Amino acid sequence: MESPLSHHLLLLACFLLLFLSSSPTPADARESPLVRSICKATRASFSQNYTLCVKTLWSDARIRSSATSNDLKELAINILEVAAETAQDAQELLNSYQSMIKSSKETKAIQQCAQSYGSVASCFRGTQDEVKEEDTMANYTVARVSDDISVCEIALSSGVKLPTTISTRLQLVKLYNNIGYTITIQLLSIWLHH
Protein backbone atom coordinates (compact mmCIF):
# COMPACT_ATOMS: atom_id res chain seq x y z
CA MET A 1 0.00 0.00 0.00
CA GLU A 2 1.41 3.36 -1.04
CA SER A 3 1.72 6.11 1.51
CA PRO A 4 -0.02 9.50 1.08
CA LEU A 5 3.44 11.06 1.01
CA SER A 6 4.38 9.17 -2.15
CA HIS A 7 1.17 10.37 -3.85
CA HIS A 8 2.01 13.95 -2.89
CA LEU A 9 5.57 13.58 -4.16
CA LEU A 10 4.36 12.06 -7.43
CA LEU A 11 1.81 14.85 -7.82
CA LEU A 12 4.47 17.45 -7.05
CA ALA A 13 6.87 15.88 -9.56
CA CYS A 14 4.17 15.89 -12.25
CA PHE A 15 3.29 19.49 -11.47
CA LEU A 16 6.95 20.58 -11.67
CA LEU A 17 7.45 18.71 -14.94
CA LEU A 18 4.34 20.30 -16.42
CA PHE A 19 5.34 23.75 -15.14
CA LEU A 20 8.91 23.57 -16.42
CA SER A 21 7.92 22.23 -19.82
CA SER A 22 5.28 24.94 -20.32
CA SER A 23 7.33 27.91 -19.11
CA PRO A 24 8.46 30.22 -21.87
CA THR A 25 11.98 29.95 -23.12
CA PRO A 26 14.30 32.82 -22.34
CA ALA A 27 14.04 35.73 -24.78
CA ASP A 28 17.50 35.06 -26.20
CA ALA A 29 16.60 31.48 -27.08
CA ARG A 30 13.84 32.58 -29.46
CA GLU A 31 15.51 35.46 -31.24
CA SER A 32 17.55 35.16 -34.35
CA PRO A 33 21.32 35.51 -34.27
CA LEU A 34 20.84 38.64 -36.39
CA VAL A 35 18.74 40.38 -33.72
CA ARG A 36 21.17 39.32 -31.00
CA SER A 37 24.09 40.61 -33.05
CA ILE A 38 22.47 43.99 -33.70
CA CYS A 39 21.46 44.39 -30.06
CA LYS A 40 24.96 43.48 -28.87
CA ALA A 41 26.48 46.04 -31.24
CA THR A 42 23.92 48.65 -30.13
CA ARG A 43 24.75 47.93 -26.51
CA ALA A 44 28.48 48.27 -27.23
CA SER A 45 28.11 51.56 -29.14
CA PHE A 46 25.37 53.26 -27.15
CA SER A 47 25.25 51.47 -23.78
CA GLN A 48 21.67 50.45 -24.56
CA ASN A 49 19.97 47.75 -22.54
CA TYR A 50 20.49 44.54 -24.52
CA THR A 51 17.37 42.78 -23.19
CA LEU A 52 15.17 45.79 -23.94
CA CYS A 53 16.61 45.95 -27.45
CA VAL A 54 15.92 42.27 -28.11
CA LYS A 55 12.40 42.38 -26.65
CA THR A 56 11.55 45.56 -28.54
CA LEU A 57 12.67 44.19 -31.88
CA TRP A 58 11.17 40.77 -31.30
CA SER A 59 7.78 42.24 -30.36
CA ASP A 60 7.04 43.38 -33.92
CA ALA A 61 5.93 40.71 -36.42
CA ARG A 62 7.53 42.50 -39.41
CA ILE A 63 10.88 42.69 -37.68
CA ARG A 64 10.62 39.13 -36.40
CA SER A 65 9.85 37.86 -39.92
CA SER A 66 12.80 39.60 -41.57
CA ALA A 67 15.10 38.66 -38.68
CA THR A 68 14.34 34.96 -39.02
CA SER A 69 15.10 35.12 -42.74
CA ASN A 70 18.55 36.59 -41.87
CA ASP A 71 18.14 39.39 -44.43
CA LEU A 72 19.95 42.39 -42.92
CA LYS A 73 18.64 44.85 -45.52
CA GLU A 74 15.03 43.75 -45.08
CA LEU A 75 15.48 43.84 -41.31
CA ALA A 76 16.78 47.41 -41.52
CA ILE A 77 13.85 48.47 -43.70
CA ASN A 78 11.36 47.01 -41.22
CA ILE A 79 13.12 48.48 -38.18
CA LEU A 80 13.14 51.91 -39.81
CA GLU A 81 9.46 51.58 -40.71
CA VAL A 82 8.55 50.76 -37.11
CA ALA A 83 10.84 53.57 -35.93
CA ALA A 84 9.05 56.09 -38.19
CA GLU A 85 5.65 54.88 -36.93
CA THR A 86 6.83 55.16 -33.31
CA ALA A 87 8.17 58.69 -33.87
CA GLN A 88 4.91 59.69 -35.58
CA ASP A 89 3.00 58.27 -32.62
CA ALA A 90 5.23 60.25 -30.24
CA GLN A 91 4.49 63.42 -32.21
CA GLU A 92 0.74 62.76 -32.00
CA LEU A 93 0.96 62.12 -28.24
CA LEU A 94 2.88 65.36 -27.75
CA ASN A 95 0.37 67.29 -29.85
CA SER A 96 -2.56 65.93 -27.87
CA TYR A 97 -0.77 66.67 -24.58
CA GLN A 98 -0.41 70.36 -25.51
CA SER A 99 -4.07 71.05 -24.78
CA MET A 100 -3.56 69.91 -21.18
CA ILE A 101 -0.69 72.32 -20.51
CA LYS A 102 -1.43 75.59 -18.70
CA SER A 103 1.99 77.28 -18.84
CA SER A 104 3.05 79.00 -22.08
CA LYS A 105 6.66 78.02 -21.36
CA GLU A 106 5.70 74.34 -21.18
CA THR A 107 3.44 74.65 -24.23
CA LYS A 108 6.36 76.05 -26.22
CA ALA A 109 8.60 73.15 -25.13
CA ILE A 110 5.95 70.57 -26.04
CA GLN A 111 5.39 72.23 -29.43
CA GLN A 112 9.15 72.12 -30.07
CA CYS A 113 9.23 68.43 -29.19
CA ALA A 114 6.25 67.66 -31.41
CA GLN A 115 7.99 69.40 -34.33
CA SER A 116 11.22 67.56 -33.58
CA TYR A 117 9.51 64.17 -33.56
CA GLY A 118 7.81 65.01 -36.87
CA SER A 119 11.32 65.56 -38.26
CA VAL A 120 12.50 62.32 -36.63
CA ALA A 121 9.72 60.37 -38.36
CA SER A 122 10.68 61.96 -41.70
CA CYS A 123 14.35 61.11 -41.19
CA PHE A 124 13.50 57.49 -40.44
CA ARG A 125 11.38 57.32 -43.62
CA GLY A 126 14.20 58.92 -45.62
CA THR A 127 16.69 56.45 -44.21
CA GLN A 128 14.33 53.61 -45.07
CA ASP A 129 14.23 54.78 -48.71
CA GLU A 130 18.02 55.09 -48.78
CA VAL A 131 18.42 51.55 -47.44
CA LYS A 132 16.07 50.26 -50.16
CA GLU A 133 18.29 51.96 -52.75
CA GLU A 134 21.52 50.91 -50.98
CA ASP A 135 22.45 54.57 -50.70
CA THR A 136 25.57 55.05 -48.57
CA MET A 137 24.02 58.22 -47.08
CA ALA A 138 21.59 56.06 -45.05
CA ASN A 139 23.85 56.08 -42.02
CA TYR A 140 24.29 59.85 -42.16
CA THR A 141 20.53 60.41 -42.41
CA VAL A 142 19.71 58.21 -39.43
CA ALA A 143 22.51 59.89 -37.46
CA ARG A 144 20.70 63.22 -37.93
CA VAL A 145 17.81 61.84 -35.87
CA SER A 146 19.93 62.32 -32.75
CA ASP A 147 20.01 66.07 -33.43
CA ASP A 148 16.21 66.29 -33.53
CA ILE A 149 15.92 64.18 -30.37
CA SER A 150 18.41 66.52 -28.66
CA VAL A 151 16.33 69.57 -29.60
CA CYS A 152 13.39 68.04 -27.75
CA GLU A 153 15.50 67.04 -24.75
CA ILE A 154 16.87 70.58 -24.47
CA ALA A 155 13.36 72.04 -24.68
CA LEU A 156 12.18 69.70 -21.92
CA SER A 157 15.21 70.37 -19.71
CA SER A 158 13.56 73.51 -18.35
CA GLY A 159 11.61 71.28 -15.98
CA VAL A 160 8.76 70.06 -18.17
CA LYS A 161 7.36 66.80 -16.83
CA LEU A 162 5.81 64.44 -19.35
CA PRO A 163 3.36 61.65 -18.60
CA THR A 164 5.02 58.23 -18.49
CA THR A 165 3.25 57.19 -21.69
CA ILE A 166 4.94 59.96 -23.64
CA SER A 167 8.37 59.76 -22.01
CA THR A 168 8.42 55.98 -22.58
CA ARG A 169 7.56 56.53 -26.25
CA LEU A 170 10.36 59.09 -26.60
CA GLN A 171 12.84 56.64 -25.07
CA LEU A 172 11.66 53.96 -27.50
CA VAL A 173 12.32 56.30 -30.43
CA LYS A 174 15.81 56.91 -29.06
CA LEU A 175 16.37 53.14 -28.88
CA TYR A 176 15.21 52.75 -32.49
CA ASN A 177 17.56 55.54 -33.51
CA ASN A 178 20.52 53.75 -31.92
CA ILE A 179 19.49 50.45 -33.51
CA GLY A 180 19.00 52.20 -36.87
CA TYR A 181 22.47 53.70 -36.67
CA THR A 182 23.99 50.34 -35.77
CA ILE A 183 22.27 48.44 -38.56
CA THR A 184 23.05 51.06 -41.22
CA ILE A 185 26.73 50.97 -40.22
CA GLN A 186 26.64 47.20 -40.81
CA LEU A 187 24.92 47.66 -44.18
CA LEU A 188 27.35 50.39 -45.18
CA SER A 189 30.23 48.03 -44.50
CA ILE A 190 28.63 45.39 -46.75
CA TRP A 191 27.82 47.87 -49.55
CA LEU A 192 31.32 49.33 -49.58
CA HIS A 193 32.92 45.88 -49.87
CA HIS A 194 30.90 44.77 -52.88
C-alpha atoms as a PDB file:
ATOM      1  CA  MET A   1       0.000   0.000   0.000  1.00  0.00           C
ATOM      2  CA  GLU A   2       1.407   3.362  -1.037  1.00  0.00           C
ATOM      3  CA  SER A   3       1.723   6.114   1.514  1.00  0.00           C
ATOM      4  CA  PRO A   4      -0.017   9.502   1.085  1.00  0.00           C
ATOM      5  CA  LEU A   5       3.435  11.057   1.014  1.00  0.00           C
ATOM      6  CA  SER A   6       4.376   9.167  -2.150  1.00  0.00           C
ATOM      7  CA  HIS A   7       1.169  10.374  -3.846  1.00  0.00           C
ATOM      8  CA  HIS A   8       2.013  13.950  -2.888  1.00  0.00           C
ATOM      9  CA  LEU A   9       5.573  13.577  -4.158  1.00  0.00           C
ATOM     10  CA  LEU A  10       4.364  12.064  -7.430  1.00  0.00           C
ATOM     11  CA  LEU A  11       1.812  14.845  -7.820  1.00  0.00           C
ATOM     12  CA  LEU A  12       4.473  17.447  -7.045  1.00  0.00           C
ATOM     13  CA  ALA A  13       6.870  15.880  -9.560  1.00  0.00           C
ATOM     14  CA  CYS A  14       4.170  15.894 -12.253  1.00  0.00           C
ATOM     15  CA  PHE A  15       3.294  19.487 -11.469  1.00  0.00           C
ATOM     16  CA  LEU A  16       6.950  20.579 -11.674  1.00  0.00           C
ATOM     17  CA  LEU A  17       7.451  18.709 -14.938  1.00  0.00           C
ATOM     18  CA  LEU A  18       4.345  20.300 -16.418  1.00  0.00           C
ATOM     19  CA  PHE A  19       5.338  23.750 -15.137  1.00  0.00           C
ATOM     20  CA  LEU A  20       8.906  23.569 -16.423  1.00  0.00           C
ATOM     21  CA  SER A  21       7.919  22.234 -19.816  1.00  0.00           C
ATOM     22  CA  SER A  22       5.283  24.940 -20.318  1.00  0.00           C
ATOM     23  CA  SER A  23       7.331  27.907 -19.112  1.00  0.00           C
ATOM     24  CA  PRO A  24       8.465  30.224 -21.866  1.00  0.00           C
ATOM     25  CA  THR A  25      11.980  29.948 -23.120  1.00  0.00           C
ATOM     26  CA  PRO A  26      14.302  32.819 -22.340  1.00  0.00           C
ATOM     27  CA  ALA A  27      14.038  35.725 -24.777  1.00  0.00           C
ATOM     28  CA  ASP A  28      17.502  35.065 -26.203  1.00  0.00           C
ATOM     29  CA  ALA A  29      16.597  31.477 -27.075  1.00  0.00           C
ATOM     30  CA  ARG A  30      13.840  32.578 -29.462  1.00  0.00           C
ATOM     31  CA  GLU A  31      15.507  35.463 -31.237  1.00  0.00           C
ATOM     32  CA  SER A  32      17.551  35.164 -34.348  1.00  0.00           C
ATOM     33  CA  PRO A  33      21.319  35.507 -34.274  1.00  0.00           C
ATOM     34  CA  LEU A  34      20.842  38.635 -36.391  1.00  0.00           C
ATOM     35  CA  VAL A  35      18.739  40.379 -33.717  1.00  0.00           C
ATOM     36  CA  ARG A  36      21.168  39.324 -30.997  1.00  0.00           C
ATOM     37  CA  SER A  37      24.093  40.613 -33.051  1.00  0.00           C
ATOM     38  CA  ILE A  38      22.468  43.989 -33.696  1.00  0.00           C
ATOM     39  CA  CYS A  39      21.464  44.394 -30.063  1.00  0.00           C
ATOM     40  CA  LYS A  40      24.962  43.475 -28.867  1.00  0.00           C
ATOM     41  CA  ALA A  41      26.484  46.039 -31.239  1.00  0.00           C
ATOM     42  CA  THR A  42      23.917  48.649 -30.135  1.00  0.00           C
ATOM     43  CA  ARG A  43      24.753  47.926 -26.510  1.00  0.00           C
ATOM     44  CA  ALA A  44      28.476  48.273 -27.235  1.00  0.00           C
ATOM     45  CA  SER A  45      28.109  51.557 -29.143  1.00  0.00           C
ATOM     46  CA  PHE A  46      25.368  53.264 -27.155  1.00  0.00           C
ATOM     47  CA  SER A  47      25.252  51.471 -23.779  1.00  0.00           C
ATOM     48  CA  GLN A  48      21.672  50.445 -24.564  1.00  0.00           C
ATOM     49  CA  ASN A  49      19.971  47.747 -22.539  1.00  0.00           C
ATOM     50  CA  TYR A  50      20.489  44.536 -24.523  1.00  0.00           C
ATOM     51  CA  THR A  51      17.371  42.780 -23.193  1.00  0.00           C
ATOM     52  CA  LEU A  52      15.172  45.785 -23.935  1.00  0.00           C
ATOM     53  CA  CYS A  53      16.609  45.947 -27.449  1.00  0.00           C
ATOM     54  CA  VAL A  54      15.916  42.267 -28.113  1.00  0.00           C
ATOM     55  CA  LYS A  55      12.404  42.380 -26.648  1.00  0.00           C
ATOM     56  CA  THR A  56      11.554  45.558 -28.539  1.00  0.00           C
ATOM     57  CA  LEU A  57      12.672  44.186 -31.879  1.00  0.00           C
ATOM     58  CA  TRP A  58      11.172  40.774 -31.303  1.00  0.00           C
ATOM     59  CA  SER A  59       7.782  42.237 -30.361  1.00  0.00           C
ATOM     60  CA  ASP A  60       7.039  43.375 -33.924  1.00  0.00           C
ATOM     61  CA  ALA A  61       5.934  40.710 -36.417  1.00  0.00           C
ATOM     62  CA  ARG A  62       7.527  42.500 -39.414  1.00  0.00           C
ATOM     63  CA  ILE A  63      10.884  42.691 -37.680  1.00  0.00           C
ATOM     64  CA  ARG A  64      10.619  39.131 -36.405  1.00  0.00           C
ATOM     65  CA  SER A  65       9.847  37.863 -39.919  1.00  0.00           C
ATOM     66  CA  SER A  66      12.804  39.597 -41.570  1.00  0.00           C
ATOM     67  CA  ALA A  67      15.097  38.655 -38.676  1.00  0.00           C
ATOM     68  CA  THR A  68      14.337  34.963 -39.017  1.00  0.00           C
ATOM     69  CA  SER A  69      15.102  35.119 -42.737  1.00  0.00           C
ATOM     70  CA  ASN A  70      18.548  36.586 -41.873  1.00  0.00           C
ATOM     71  CA  ASP A  71      18.137  39.391 -44.427  1.00  0.00           C
ATOM     72  CA  LEU A  72      19.953  42.392 -42.925  1.00  0.00           C
ATOM     73  CA  LYS A  73      18.643  44.854 -45.523  1.00  0.00           C
ATOM     74  CA  GLU A  74      15.025  43.748 -45.077  1.00  0.00           C
ATOM     75  CA  LEU A  75      15.481  43.838 -41.307  1.00  0.00           C
ATOM     76  CA  ALA A  76      16.783  47.415 -41.519  1.00  0.00           C
ATOM     77  CA  ILE A  77      13.846  48.472 -43.703  1.00  0.00           C
ATOM     78  CA  ASN A  78      11.358  47.008 -41.219  1.00  0.00           C
ATOM     79  CA  ILE A  79      13.123  48.478 -38.181  1.00  0.00           C
ATOM     80  CA  LEU A  80      13.139  51.913 -39.808  1.00  0.00           C
ATOM     81  CA  GLU A  81       9.464  51.575 -40.715  1.00  0.00           C
ATOM     82  CA  VAL A  82       8.555  50.761 -37.113  1.00  0.00           C
ATOM     83  CA  ALA A  83      10.843  53.568 -35.928  1.00  0.00           C
ATOM     84  CA  ALA A  84       9.045  56.086 -38.187  1.00  0.00           C
ATOM     85  CA  GLU A  85       5.652  54.878 -36.927  1.00  0.00           C
ATOM     86  CA  THR A  86       6.829  55.158 -33.315  1.00  0.00           C
ATOM     87  CA  ALA A  87       8.169  58.690 -33.870  1.00  0.00           C
ATOM     88  CA  GLN A  88       4.908  59.686 -35.576  1.00  0.00           C
ATOM     89  CA  ASP A  89       2.996  58.268 -32.618  1.00  0.00           C
ATOM     90  CA  ALA A  90       5.227  60.251 -30.241  1.00  0.00           C
ATOM     91  CA  GLN A  91       4.495  63.417 -32.210  1.00  0.00           C
ATOM     92  CA  GLU A  92       0.742  62.762 -31.997  1.00  0.00           C
ATOM     93  CA  LEU A  93       0.961  62.115 -28.244  1.00  0.00           C
ATOM     94  CA  LEU A  94       2.882  65.358 -27.749  1.00  0.00           C
ATOM     95  CA  ASN A  95       0.370  67.292 -29.853  1.00  0.00           C
ATOM     96  CA  SER A  96      -2.561  65.928 -27.866  1.00  0.00           C
ATOM     97  CA  TYR A  97      -0.772  66.669 -24.577  1.00  0.00           C
ATOM     98  CA  GLN A  98      -0.407  70.357 -25.509  1.00  0.00           C
ATOM     99  CA  SER A  99      -4.069  71.046 -24.776  1.00  0.00           C
ATOM    100  CA  MET A 100      -3.560  69.913 -21.175  1.00  0.00           C
ATOM    101  CA  ILE A 101      -0.688  72.322 -20.506  1.00  0.00           C
ATOM    102  CA  LYS A 102      -1.427  75.593 -18.701  1.00  0.00           C
ATOM    103  CA  SER A 103       1.986  77.282 -18.839  1.00  0.00           C
ATOM    104  CA  SER A 104       3.046  79.004 -22.075  1.00  0.00           C
ATOM    105  CA  LYS A 105       6.662  78.021 -21.356  1.00  0.00           C
ATOM    106  CA  GLU A 106       5.700  74.340 -21.179  1.00  0.00           C
ATOM    107  CA  THR A 107       3.442  74.654 -24.234  1.00  0.00           C
ATOM    108  CA  LYS A 108       6.364  76.050 -26.222  1.00  0.00           C
ATOM    109  CA  ALA A 109       8.603  73.150 -25.130  1.00  0.00           C
ATOM    110  CA  ILE A 110       5.955  70.566 -26.037  1.00  0.00           C
ATOM    111  CA  GLN A 111       5.389  72.233 -29.434  1.00  0.00           C
ATOM    112  CA  GLN A 112       9.148  72.121 -30.072  1.00  0.00           C
ATOM    113  CA  CYS A 113       9.228  68.433 -29.191  1.00  0.00           C
ATOM    114  CA  ALA A 114       6.248  67.662 -31.414  1.00  0.00           C
ATOM    115  CA  GLN A 115       7.989  69.398 -34.335  1.00  0.00           C
ATOM    116  CA  SER A 116      11.221  67.560 -33.582  1.00  0.00           C
ATOM    117  CA  TYR A 117       9.515  64.170 -33.562  1.00  0.00           C
ATOM    118  CA  GLY A 118       7.815  65.006 -36.869  1.00  0.00           C
ATOM    119  CA  SER A 119      11.323  65.555 -38.259  1.00  0.00           C
ATOM    120  CA  VAL A 120      12.501  62.319 -36.633  1.00  0.00           C
ATOM    121  CA  ALA A 121       9.716  60.369 -38.363  1.00  0.00           C
ATOM    122  CA  SER A 122      10.678  61.964 -41.702  1.00  0.00           C
ATOM    123  CA  CYS A 123      14.352  61.105 -41.190  1.00  0.00           C
ATOM    124  CA  PHE A 124      13.502  57.485 -40.435  1.00  0.00           C
ATOM    125  CA  ARG A 125      11.380  57.316 -43.623  1.00  0.00           C
ATOM    126  CA  GLY A 126      14.199  58.920 -45.625  1.00  0.00           C
ATOM    127  CA  THR A 127      16.686  56.452 -44.211  1.00  0.00           C
ATOM    128  CA  GLN A 128      14.330  53.605 -45.071  1.00  0.00           C
ATOM    129  CA  ASP A 129      14.228  54.778 -48.710  1.00  0.00           C
ATOM    130  CA  GLU A 130      18.020  55.085 -48.777  1.00  0.00           C
ATOM    131  CA  VAL A 131      18.415  51.546 -47.442  1.00  0.00           C
ATOM    132  CA  LYS A 132      16.075  50.261 -50.161  1.00  0.00           C
ATOM    133  CA  GLU A 133      18.292  51.962 -52.747  1.00  0.00           C
ATOM    134  CA  GLU A 134      21.518  50.911 -50.977  1.00  0.00           C
ATOM    135  CA  ASP A 135      22.454  54.571 -50.698  1.00  0.00           C
ATOM    136  CA  THR A 136      25.568  55.045 -48.573  1.00  0.00           C
ATOM    137  CA  MET A 137      24.015  58.217 -47.076  1.00  0.00           C
ATOM    138  CA  ALA A 138      21.587  56.061 -45.049  1.00  0.00           C
ATOM    139  CA  ASN A 139      23.849  56.084 -42.021  1.00  0.00           C
ATOM    140  CA  TYR A 140      24.294  59.847 -42.157  1.00  0.00           C
ATOM    141  CA  THR A 141      20.535  60.408 -42.413  1.00  0.00           C
ATOM    142  CA  VAL A 142      19.712  58.207 -39.434  1.00  0.00           C
ATOM    143  CA  ALA A 143      22.512  59.889 -37.461  1.00  0.00           C
ATOM    144  CA  ARG A 144      20.701  63.223 -37.928  1.00  0.00           C
ATOM    145  CA  VAL A 145      17.808  61.838 -35.873  1.00  0.00           C
ATOM    146  CA  SER A 146      19.934  62.323 -32.755  1.00  0.00           C
ATOM    147  CA  ASP A 147      20.014  66.075 -33.435  1.00  0.00           C
ATOM    148  CA  ASP A 148      16.214  66.294 -33.525  1.00  0.00           C
ATOM    149  CA  ILE A 149      15.918  64.182 -30.374  1.00  0.00           C
ATOM    150  CA  SER A 150      18.406  66.517 -28.657  1.00  0.00           C
ATOM    151  CA  VAL A 151      16.333  69.573 -29.605  1.00  0.00           C
ATOM    152  CA  CYS A 152      13.387  68.044 -27.751  1.00  0.00           C
ATOM    153  CA  GLU A 153      15.497  67.037 -24.754  1.00  0.00           C
ATOM    154  CA  ILE A 154      16.874  70.579 -24.469  1.00  0.00           C
ATOM    155  CA  ALA A 155      13.364  72.045 -24.682  1.00  0.00           C
ATOM    156  CA  LEU A 156      12.178  69.704 -21.925  1.00  0.00           C
ATOM    157  CA  SER A 157      15.210  70.370 -19.706  1.00  0.00           C
ATOM    158  CA  SER A 158      13.562  73.512 -18.347  1.00  0.00           C
ATOM    159  CA  GLY A 159      11.607  71.276 -15.980  1.00  0.00           C
ATOM    160  CA  VAL A 160       8.757  70.061 -18.170  1.00  0.00           C
ATOM    161  CA  LYS A 161       7.358  66.798 -16.828  1.00  0.00           C
ATOM    162  CA  LEU A 162       5.814  64.437 -19.349  1.00  0.00           C
ATOM    163  CA  PRO A 163       3.362  61.652 -18.603  1.00  0.00           C
ATOM    164  CA  THR A 164       5.017  58.232 -18.488  1.00  0.00           C
ATOM    165  CA  THR A 165       3.247  57.192 -21.689  1.00  0.00           C
ATOM    166  CA  ILE A 166       4.937  59.962 -23.635  1.00  0.00           C
ATOM    167  CA  SER A 167       8.373  59.756 -22.006  1.00  0.00           C
ATOM    168  CA  THR A 168       8.423  55.980 -22.576  1.00  0.00           C
ATOM    169  CA  ARG A 169       7.563  56.531 -26.250  1.00  0.00           C
ATOM    170  CA  LEU A 170      10.363  59.091 -26.598  1.00  0.00           C
ATOM    171  CA  GLN A 171      12.840  56.638 -25.068  1.00  0.00           C
ATOM    172  CA  LEU A 172      11.663  53.960 -27.497  1.00  0.00           C
ATOM    173  CA  VAL A 173      12.318  56.298 -30.432  1.00  0.00           C
ATOM    174  CA  LYS A 174      15.810  56.908 -29.061  1.00  0.00           C
ATOM    175  CA  LEU A 175      16.374  53.144 -28.879  1.00  0.00           C
ATOM    176  CA  TYR A 176      15.211  52.745 -32.493  1.00  0.00           C
ATOM    177  CA  ASN A 177      17.563  55.543 -33.507  1.00  0.00           C
ATOM    178  CA  ASN A 178      20.522  53.754 -31.920  1.00  0.00           C
ATOM    179  CA  ILE A 179      19.493  50.448 -33.511  1.00  0.00           C
ATOM    180  CA  GLY A 180      19.002  52.198 -36.870  1.00  0.00           C
ATOM    181  CA  TYR A 181      22.471  53.700 -36.665  1.00  0.00           C
ATOM    182  CA  THR A 182      23.989  50.335 -35.770  1.00  0.00           C
ATOM    183  CA  ILE A 183      22.273  48.435 -38.564  1.00  0.00           C
ATOM    184  CA  THR A 184      23.045  51.063 -41.218  1.00  0.00           C
ATOM    185  CA  ILE A 185      26.733  50.965 -40.224  1.00  0.00           C
ATOM    186  CA  GLN A 186      26.644  47.203 -40.812  1.00  0.00           C
ATOM    187  CA  LEU A 187      24.921  47.664 -44.180  1.00  0.00           C
ATOM    188  CA  LEU A 188      27.353  50.393 -45.178  1.00  0.00           C
ATOM    189  CA  SER A 189      30.231  48.026 -44.496  1.00  0.00           C
ATOM    190  CA  ILE A 190      28.628  45.392 -46.753  1.00  0.00           C
ATOM    191  CA  TRP A 191      27.815  47.869 -49.548  1.00  0.00           C
ATOM    192  CA  LEU A 192      31.324  49.326 -49.584  1.00  0.00           C
ATOM    193  CA  HIS A 193      32.920  45.883 -49.866  1.00  0.00           C
ATOM    194  CA  HIS A 194      30.897  44.775 -52.878  1.00  0.00           C
END
